[in-house]
Amino acid sequence: MTSMTHRTGGGTTLNLFGQILIQLVVLAIAIALTVRLLPGVHFSGGVFTYIWVALILAVVNGVLGPILHFVSLPLTVITFGLFSLVVNAALLAIAAGLSSHLAIDGFWDAVFAALLISIFSGILSFVVRKLTTRPT
């Protein structure tokens, strides 16, 4: 197995690019579902714009997410993990600020959007994992 392939739990081998692309599509769908459900979250653009915004959010989460989660760890522990939603809302707001296609009206809209995106992407990732793994 090369460094560019990954063995999933069920035995299917996907290359790194394929995995990243699948996760971006999952995140884009989660963002689209959230935009449809929350009136305080606005989006302009088509399918590829959703993937572009998902990429921006993924980069923001990958670069700033660990730093903000580490700095806020005491508050997260004190609030039994609830402050993590605030950190995720801040990361989503940063991503929205970097994109001209995503707008969030306020703090609570960002918190609910971050929560819904997390729930939707978790469920969709689970479904994709089940669909793409085959027993060996």
Protein backbone atom coordinates (compact mmCIF):
# COMPACT_ATOMS: atom_id res chain seq x y z
CA MET A 1 0.00 0.00 0.00
CA THR A 2 1.49 3.36 -0.99
CA SER A 3 1.33 6.54 1.04
CA MET A 4 -1.35 7.87 -1.31
CA THR A 5 -3.82 5.10 -0.56
CA HIS A 6 -5.82 4.40 2.54
CA ARG A 7 -7.45 1.22 3.64
CA THR A 8 -10.94 1.82 4.98
CA GLY A 9 -12.41 -0.34 7.71
CA GLY A 10 -14.15 -2.71 5.32
CA GLY A 11 -11.23 -3.30 3.00
CA THR A 12 -11.83 -0.85 0.14
CA THR A 13 -8.81 1.16 -0.92
CA LEU A 14 -9.32 4.79 -1.88
CA ASN A 15 -6.62 7.23 -2.83
CA LEU A 16 -6.13 10.35 -0.76
CA PHE A 17 -7.55 12.65 -3.42
CA GLY A 18 -10.73 10.56 -3.65
CA GLN A 19 -11.21 10.66 0.11
CA ILE A 20 -10.71 14.43 0.25
CA LEU A 21 -13.12 14.94 -2.64
CA ILE A 22 -15.77 12.75 -0.99
CA GLN A 23 -15.42 14.64 2.31
CA LEU A 24 -15.69 17.99 0.50
CA VAL A 25 -18.89 16.84 -1.22
CA VAL A 26 -20.26 15.63 2.13
CA LEU A 27 -19.44 18.99 3.71
CA ALA A 28 -20.95 20.85 0.75
CA ILE A 29 -24.20 18.87 1.12
CA ALA A 30 -24.23 19.58 4.86
CA ILE A 31 -23.81 23.29 4.15
CA ALA A 32 -26.59 23.18 1.54
CA LEU A 33 -28.98 21.45 3.95
CA THR A 34 -28.16 24.01 6.64
CA VAL A 35 -28.75 26.91 4.27
CA ARG A 36 -32.15 25.45 3.37
CA LEU A 37 -33.17 25.07 7.03
CA LEU A 38 -31.89 28.27 8.63
CA PRO A 39 -33.27 31.60 7.43
CA GLY A 40 -30.29 33.45 8.96
CA VAL A 41 -27.77 31.69 6.73
CA HIS A 42 -27.60 32.94 3.15
CA PHE A 43 -25.83 31.46 0.14
CA SER A 44 -25.35 32.54 -3.45
CA GLY A 45 -24.05 30.26 -6.15
CA GLY A 46 -24.39 26.78 -7.52
CA VAL A 47 -23.07 23.30 -6.85
CA PHE A 48 -19.41 24.10 -7.42
CA THR A 49 -19.72 27.15 -5.20
CA TYR A 50 -20.90 24.90 -2.37
CA ILE A 51 -17.78 22.77 -2.89
CA TRP A 52 -15.63 25.92 -2.93
CA VAL A 53 -17.14 27.14 0.35
CA ALA A 54 -16.71 23.63 1.80
CA LEU A 55 -13.02 23.82 0.85
CA ILE A 56 -12.69 27.22 2.55
CA LEU A 57 -14.39 25.89 5.68
CA ALA A 58 -12.18 22.79 5.67
CA VAL A 59 -9.01 24.89 5.43
CA VAL A 60 -10.19 27.24 8.18
CA ASN A 61 -11.05 24.24 10.37
CA GLY A 62 -7.74 22.57 9.59
CA VAL A 63 -5.57 25.62 10.27
CA LEU A 64 -7.37 27.61 12.95
CA GLY A 65 -9.58 24.89 14.45
CA PRO A 66 -6.92 23.08 16.49
CA ILE A 67 -5.52 26.37 17.79
CA LEU A 68 -8.90 27.77 18.87
CA HIS A 69 -10.00 24.47 20.38
CA PHE A 70 -6.76 24.23 22.36
CA VAL A 71 -6.95 27.82 23.62
CA SER A 72 -10.59 27.37 24.61
CA LEU A 73 -10.05 23.98 26.24
CA PRO A 74 -10.59 25.24 29.83
CA LEU A 75 -13.94 26.81 28.89
CA THR A 76 -14.89 23.70 26.94
CA VAL A 77 -14.19 21.52 29.98
CA ILE A 78 -16.09 23.84 32.33
CA THR A 79 -19.12 23.88 30.02
CA PHE A 80 -18.98 20.12 29.42
CA GLY A 81 -18.15 20.62 25.74
CA LEU A 82 -20.79 23.22 24.90
CA PHE A 83 -18.21 25.95 24.30
CA SER A 84 -16.94 23.85 21.43
CA LEU A 85 -20.09 24.94 19.57
CA VAL A 86 -19.05 28.56 20.02
CA VAL A 87 -15.60 27.79 18.62
CA ASN A 88 -17.17 25.99 15.65
CA ALA A 89 -19.50 28.95 15.13
CA ALA A 90 -16.49 31.29 15.13
CA LEU A 91 -14.74 29.10 12.56
CA LEU A 92 -17.85 29.11 10.40
CA ALA A 93 -18.09 32.90 10.70
CA ILE A 94 -14.44 33.22 9.66
CA ALA A 95 -15.10 31.01 6.63
CA ALA A 96 -18.17 33.10 5.76
CA GLY A 97 -16.04 36.24 6.04
CA LEU A 98 -13.52 34.77 3.60
CA SER A 99 -16.23 33.86 1.08
CA SER A 100 -18.48 36.25 -0.77
CA HIS A 101 -21.00 33.43 -1.26
CA LEU A 102 -21.87 32.64 2.37
CA ALA A 103 -23.39 35.11 4.84
CA ILE A 104 -24.54 34.57 8.41
CA ASP A 105 -26.84 37.08 10.09
CA GLY A 106 -25.73 36.79 13.70
CA PHE A 107 -24.16 34.85 16.55
CA TRP A 108 -27.02 32.43 17.18
CA ASP A 109 -27.43 31.76 13.48
CA ALA A 110 -23.73 30.83 13.39
CA VAL A 111 -24.09 28.57 16.44
CA PHE A 112 -27.12 26.74 15.02
CA ALA A 113 -25.50 26.53 11.59
CA ALA A 114 -22.32 25.05 13.07
CA LEU A 115 -24.40 22.53 15.02
CA LEU A 116 -26.44 21.51 11.95
CA ILE A 117 -23.37 21.26 9.71
CA SER A 118 -21.72 19.03 12.30
CA ILE A 119 -24.78 16.80 12.59
CA PHE A 120 -25.38 16.58 8.85
CA SER A 121 -21.75 15.94 7.97
CA GLY A 122 -21.50 13.28 10.67
CA ILE A 123 -24.57 11.45 9.41
CA LEU A 124 -23.55 11.78 5.76
CA SER A 125 -19.99 10.61 6.49
CA PHE A 126 -21.39 7.56 8.26
CA VAL A 127 -23.65 6.75 5.31
CA VAL A 128 -20.84 7.24 2.78
CA ARG A 129 -18.52 5.05 4.86
CA LYS A 130 -21.15 2.29 4.92
CA LEU A 131 -21.75 2.58 1.17
CA THR A 132 -18.10 2.63 0.16
CA THR A 133 -16.75 -0.18 2.33
CA ARG A 134 -16.90 -3.76 1.23
CA PRO A 135 -15.94 -6.73 3.34
CA THR A 136 -12.72 -8.43 2.34
